[in-house]
C-alpha atoms as a PDB file:
ATOM      1  CA  MET A   1     -29.696 309.515 161.947  1.00  0.00           C
ATOM      2  CA  LEU A   2     -31.980 308.514 158.791  1.00  0.00           C
ATOM      3  CA  ARG A   3     -34.924 307.687 160.663  1.00  0.00           C
ATOM      4  CA  PHE A   4     -34.640 311.256 162.658  1.00  0.00           C
ATOM      5  CA  TRP A   5     -34.648 313.152 159.134  1.00  0.00           C
ATOM      6  CA  PHE A   6     -37.048 311.487 157.888  1.00  0.00           C
ATOM      7  CA  THR A   7     -39.418 311.976 160.794  1.00  0.00           C
ATOM      8  CA  ILE A   8     -38.456 315.708 160.630  1.00  0.00           C
ATOM      9  CA  PHE A   9     -39.320 315.816 156.724  1.00  0.00           C
ATOM     10  CA  LEU A  10     -42.761 313.891 157.817  1.00  0.00           C
ATOM     11  CA  VAL A  11     -43.591 316.410 160.085  1.00  0.00           C
ATOM     12  CA  LEU A  12     -42.513 319.569 157.997  1.00  0.00           C
ATOM     13  CA  LEU A  13     -44.682 318.167 155.380  1.00  0.00           C
ATOM     14  CA  THR A  14     -47.651 317.296 157.127  1.00  0.00           C
ATOM     15  CA  PHE A  15     -47.561 320.800 158.849  1.00  0.00           C
ATOM     16  CA  ALA A  16     -46.862 322.662 155.435  1.00  0.00           C
ATOM     17  CA  ASN A  17     -50.096 320.768 154.121  1.00  0.00           C
ATOM     18  CA  LEU A  18     -51.999 321.704 157.532  1.00  0.00           C
ATOM     19  CA  MET A  19     -50.747 325.490 156.835  1.00  0.00           C
ATOM     20  CA  ARG A  20     -51.894 325.277 153.091  1.00  0.00           C
ATOM     21  CA  THR A  21     -55.304 323.842 153.786  1.00  0.00           C
ATOM     22  CA  TYR A  22     -55.928 326.791 156.489  1.00  0.00           C
ATOM     23  CA  ARG A  23     -55.169 329.312 154.161  1.00  0.00           C
ATOM     24  CA  VAL A  24     -57.336 328.733 151.447  1.00  0.00           C
ATOM     25  CA  GLU A  25     -59.870 327.734 153.513  1.00  0.00           C
ATOM     26  CA  ARG A  26     -59.682 331.392 155.013  1.00  0.00           C
ATOM     27  CA  MET A  27     -60.089 332.849 151.098  1.00  0.00           C
ATOM     28  CA  ILE A  28     -62.997 331.047 150.461  1.00  0.00           C
ATOM     29  CA  GLN A  29     -65.771 333.903 150.429  1.00  0.00           C
ATOM     30  CA  SER A  30     -69.527 333.958 149.666  1.00  0.00           C
ATOM     31  CA  THR A  31     -72.566 336.291 148.923  1.00  0.00           C
ATOM     32  CA  ALA A  32     -76.225 335.664 148.251  1.00  0.00           C
ATOM     33  CA  ILE A  33     -79.012 337.907 146.933  1.00  0.00           C
ATOM     34  CA  ARG A  34     -82.706 337.555 146.474  1.00  0.00           C
ATOM     35  CA  GLY A  35     -85.307 340.025 144.742  1.00  0.00           C
ATOM     36  CA  LYS A  36     -88.312 340.132 142.083  1.00  0.00           C
ATOM     37  CA  PHE A  37     -88.040 342.216 139.404  1.00  0.00           C
ATOM     38  CA  ILE A  38     -91.026 343.657 137.571  1.00  0.00           C
ATOM     39  CA  CYS A  39     -91.885 345.163 134.415  1.00  0.00           C
ATOM     40  CA  GLY A  40     -94.298 347.918 135.148  1.00  0.00           C
ATOM     41  CA  GLN A  41     -97.093 345.908 136.636  1.00  0.00           C
ATOM     42  CA  LYS A  42     -96.276 342.672 135.584  1.00  0.00           C
ATOM     43  CA  PRO A  43     -93.548 340.112 136.685  1.00  0.00           C
ATOM     44  CA  ALA A  44     -90.628 340.097 135.012  1.00  0.00           C
ATOM     45  CA  ILE A  45     -90.305 336.185 133.444  1.00  0.00           C
ATOM     46  CA  GLY A  46     -87.038 334.915 132.374  1.00  0.00           C
ATOM     47  CA  VAL A  47     -84.569 337.904 133.279  1.00  0.00           C
ATOM     48  CA  ARG A  48     -80.921 336.851 133.454  1.00  0.00           C
ATOM     49  CA  VAL A  49     -79.237 337.262 136.597  1.00  0.00           C
ATOM     50  CA  LYS A  50     -75.310 337.037 137.033  1.00  0.00           C
ATOM     51  CA  LEU A  51     -73.115 337.024 139.756  1.00  0.00           C
ATOM     52  CA  PHE A  52     -69.676 338.203 139.488  1.00  0.00           C
ATOM     53  CA  GLU A  53     -66.999 338.958 141.865  1.00  0.00           C
ATOM     54  CA  GLN A  54     -65.653 341.934 140.602  1.00  0.00           C
ATOM     55  CA  ASP A  55     -61.757 341.789 140.730  1.00  0.00           C
ATOM     56  CA  ASN A  56     -60.215 345.244 141.956  1.00  0.00           C
ATOM     57  CA  ASN A  57     -56.665 347.171 141.777  1.00  0.00           C
ATOM     58  CA  LEU A  58     -53.936 347.738 143.682  1.00  0.00           C
ATOM     59  CA  LEU A  59     -55.448 351.455 145.075  1.00  0.00           C
ATOM     60  CA  ASN A  60     -59.088 349.016 145.444  1.00  0.00           C
ATOM     61  CA  GLN A  61     -60.489 350.515 142.827  1.00  0.00           C
ATOM     62  CA  PRO A  62     -62.961 348.927 140.653  1.00  0.00           C
ATOM     63  CA  ILE A  63     -61.410 348.290 137.411  1.00  0.00           C
ATOM     64  CA  THR A  64     -62.221 350.154 133.924  1.00  0.00           C
ATOM     65  CA  THR A  65     -62.697 348.936 130.704  1.00  0.00           C
ATOM     66  CA  ASP A  66     -58.913 350.088 129.248  1.00  0.00           C
ATOM     67  CA  GLU A  67     -57.726 348.033 132.534  1.00  0.00           C
ATOM     68  CA  TYR A  68     -59.800 344.942 132.257  1.00  0.00           C
ATOM     69  CA  MET A  69     -58.041 344.274 129.157  1.00  0.00           C
ATOM     70  CA  LEU A  70     -54.879 344.027 130.824  1.00  0.00           C
ATOM     71  CA  THR A  71     -55.769 342.111 134.234  1.00  0.00           C
ATOM     72  CA  ILE A  72     -54.311 338.722 134.455  1.00  0.00           C
ATOM     73  CA  ASN A  73     -57.415 338.048 136.687  1.00  0.00           C
ATOM     74  CA  PRO A  74     -60.990 339.244 135.010  1.00  0.00           C
ATOM     75  CA  ASP A  75     -64.019 339.183 136.654  1.00  0.00           C
ATOM     76  CA  ASP A  76     -64.944 335.828 138.114  1.00  0.00           C
ATOM     77  CA  VAL A  77     -68.826 334.727 137.184  1.00  0.00           C
ATOM     78  CA  LEU A  78     -69.609 332.844 140.579  1.00  0.00           C
ATOM     79  CA  ASN A  79     -73.369 331.993 139.570  1.00  0.00           C
ATOM     80  CA  GLU A  80     -76.029 332.536 137.133  1.00  0.00           C
ATOM     81  CA  THR A  81     -79.897 332.313 137.336  1.00  0.00           C
ATOM     82  CA  TYR A  82     -83.065 333.384 135.612  1.00  0.00           C
ATOM     83  CA  THR A  83     -86.342 334.352 137.419  1.00  0.00           C
ATOM     84  CA  ASP A  84     -89.129 332.307 137.716  1.00  0.00           C
ATOM     85  CA  ASP A  85     -93.043 333.017 136.918  1.00  0.00           C
ATOM     86  CA  ASP A  86     -93.153 335.636 139.582  1.00  0.00           C
ATOM     87  CA  GLY A  87     -90.195 337.351 138.617  1.00  0.00           C
ATOM     88  CA  GLN A  88     -88.402 336.185 141.585  1.00  0.00           C
ATOM     89  CA  PHE A  89     -84.511 335.165 142.061  1.00  0.00           C
ATOM     90  CA  PHE A  90     -82.356 333.831 144.345  1.00  0.00           C
ATOM     91  CA  ILE A  91     -78.623 333.461 143.550  1.00  0.00           C
ATOM     92  CA  ASN A  92     -75.523 332.700 145.559  1.00  0.00           C
ATOM     93  CA  GLY A  93     -71.707 331.955 144.796  1.00  0.00           C
ATOM     94  CA  THR A  94     -68.604 331.154 146.495  1.00  0.00           C
ATOM     95  CA  THR A  95     -64.795 331.569 144.918  1.00  0.00           C
ATOM     96  CA  ILE A  96     -61.031 331.289 146.662  1.00  0.00           C
ATOM     97  CA  GLU A  97     -59.923 334.781 146.570  1.00  0.00           C
ATOM     98  CA  VAL A  98     -56.693 336.545 148.877  1.00  0.00           C
ATOM     99  CA  ASN A  99     -58.404 339.932 149.334  1.00  0.00           C
ATOM    100  CA  GLN A 100     -62.189 340.808 150.191  1.00  0.00           C
ATOM    101  CA  ILE A 101     -64.407 339.985 147.216  1.00  0.00           C
ATOM    102  CA  GLN A 102     -66.541 342.543 145.683  1.00  0.00           C
ATOM    103  CA  PRO A 103     -69.653 341.271 144.246  1.00  0.00           C
ATOM    104  CA  ILE A 104     -71.764 342.163 141.587  1.00  0.00           C
ATOM    105  CA  LEU A 105     -75.032 341.315 140.079  1.00  0.00           C
ATOM    106  CA  LYS A 106     -75.299 341.860 136.553  1.00  0.00           C
ATOM    107  CA  VAL A 107     -78.943 341.605 135.169  1.00  0.00           C
ATOM    108  CA  TYR A 108     -79.695 341.617 131.479  1.00  0.00           C
ATOM    109  CA  HIS A 109     -83.270 342.322 130.350  1.00  0.00           C
ATOM    110  CA  ASN A 110     -85.618 343.069 127.769  1.00  0.00           C
ATOM    111  CA  CYS A 111     -88.190 345.784 129.442  1.00  0.00           C
ATOM    112  CA  LEU A 112     -88.865 348.785 127.476  1.00  0.00           C
ATOM    113  CA  HIS A 113     -86.460 347.430 124.893  1.00  0.00           C
ATOM    114  CA  ASP A 114     -89.252 345.026 123.038  1.00  0.00           C
ATOM    115  CA  GLY A 115     -88.276 344.400 119.433  1.00  0.00           C
ATOM    116  CA  LEU A 116     -84.775 345.759 119.507  1.00  0.00           C
ATOM    117  CA  PRO A 117     -81.694 343.480 119.463  1.00  0.00           C
ATOM    118  CA  GLY A 118     -79.450 342.888 122.704  1.00  0.00           C
ATOM    119  CA  PHE A 119     -80.545 343.671 126.159  1.00  0.00           C
ATOM    120  CA  ARG A 120     -80.418 346.226 128.498  1.00  0.00           C
ATOM    121  CA  LYS A 121     -77.783 345.799 131.428  1.00  0.00           C
ATOM    122  CA  ILE A 122     -78.270 346.928 135.368  1.00  0.00           C
ATOM    123  CA  HIS A 123     -75.417 346.549 137.696  1.00  0.00           C
ATOM    124  CA  PHE A 124     -75.634 346.720 141.433  1.00  0.00           C
ATOM    125  CA  LEU A 125     -72.750 346.652 144.082  1.00  0.00           C
ATOM    126  CA  VAL A 126     -73.196 344.255 146.627  1.00  0.00           C
ATOM    127  CA  PRO A 127     -72.201 346.040 149.929  1.00  0.00           C
ATOM    128  CA  TYR A 128     -69.180 344.340 151.898  1.00  0.00           C
ATOM    129  CA  HIS A 129     -71.353 343.505 154.805  1.00  0.00           C
ATOM    130  CA  PHE A 130     -73.338 340.774 152.551  1.00  0.00           C
ATOM    131  CA  THR A 131     -69.948 338.908 151.786  1.00  0.00           C
ATOM    132  CA  ASN A 132     -68.387 336.518 154.279  1.00  0.00           C
ATOM    133  CA  TYR A 133     -65.629 333.762 154.799  1.00  0.00           C
ATOM    134  CA  GLY A 134     -66.990 330.063 154.142  1.00  0.00           C
ATOM    135  CA  THR A 135     -68.751 328.421 151.819  1.00  0.00           C
ATOM    136  CA  TYR A 136     -72.391 329.570 152.906  1.00  0.00           C
ATOM    137  CA  ALA A 137     -73.355 333.095 152.795  1.00  0.00           C
ATOM    138  CA  GLU A 138     -74.496 334.032 156.625  1.00  0.00           C
ATOM    139  CA  LYS A 139     -76.352 336.922 155.234  1.00  0.00           C
ATOM    140  CA  VAL A 140     -78.562 337.414 152.250  1.00  0.00           C
ATOM    141  CA  LEU A 141     -78.965 340.920 150.413  1.00  0.00           C
ATOM    142  CA  ASP A 142     -82.731 341.453 150.094  1.00  0.00           C
ATOM    143  CA  LEU A 143     -83.559 343.810 146.691  1.00  0.00           C
ATOM    144  CA  GLY A 144     -87.260 343.951 147.385  1.00  0.00           C
ATOM    145  CA  ILE A 145     -89.163 344.432 144.318  1.00  0.00           C
ATOM    146  CA  PHE A 146     -87.027 346.290 141.725  1.00  0.00           C
ATOM    147  CA  ASN A 147     -89.048 347.666 138.371  1.00  0.00           C
ATOM    148  CA  LEU A 148     -86.874 347.258 135.160  1.00  0.00           C
ATOM    149  CA  GLU A 149     -88.654 350.340 133.705  1.00  0.00           C
ATOM    150  CA  ALA A 150     -86.089 352.498 135.792  1.00  0.00           C
ATOM    151  CA  ILE A 151     -83.720 354.106 133.860  1.00  0.00           C
ATOM    152  CA  LEU A 152     -80.474 354.299 135.496  1.00  0.00           C
ATOM    153  CA  PRO A 153     -76.838 356.232 134.976  1.00  0.00           C
ATOM    154  CA  ILE A 154     -75.345 352.852 134.191  1.00  0.00           C
ATOM    155  CA  ASN A 155     -77.891 351.085 131.793  1.00  0.00           C
ATOM    156  CA  TYR A 156     -76.439 349.368 128.921  1.00  0.00           C
ATOM    157  CA  ILE A 157     -77.251 347.634 125.650  1.00  0.00           C
ATOM    158  CA  LYS A 158     -75.675 344.801 125.283  1.00  0.00           C
END
């Protein structure tokens, strides 16, 4: 009888482990972005590019600055890179989240900001269809060529 219960225990333990592994694999999500930044007619060299997973509240809306201070799970940094000598970049990231991720690309630059302290910051929200389940991004969002001289509504100094 003891052998029977021990066998049942092992089967349940194995089943629970398989379910946990499957559940984690279904939560791994990835995204990738490429592009080229210029400042006027010149490549924007050494621009800092960070990929985040932006957390949403219960209504699936982006978290405001006030809510950010109260959140248990702040935005996760997925990856960080810098533009090359031609102003080009490629960045990808993977994270484990229960809900679908909302990737956001944050760009820190000093185009039209010479001599002033800090950097200008631009955010790009990545559409949901450029994310997928799995450890590798299946589609890459191509931003094309973007001139950092542009003044956008969300253009922070940090």
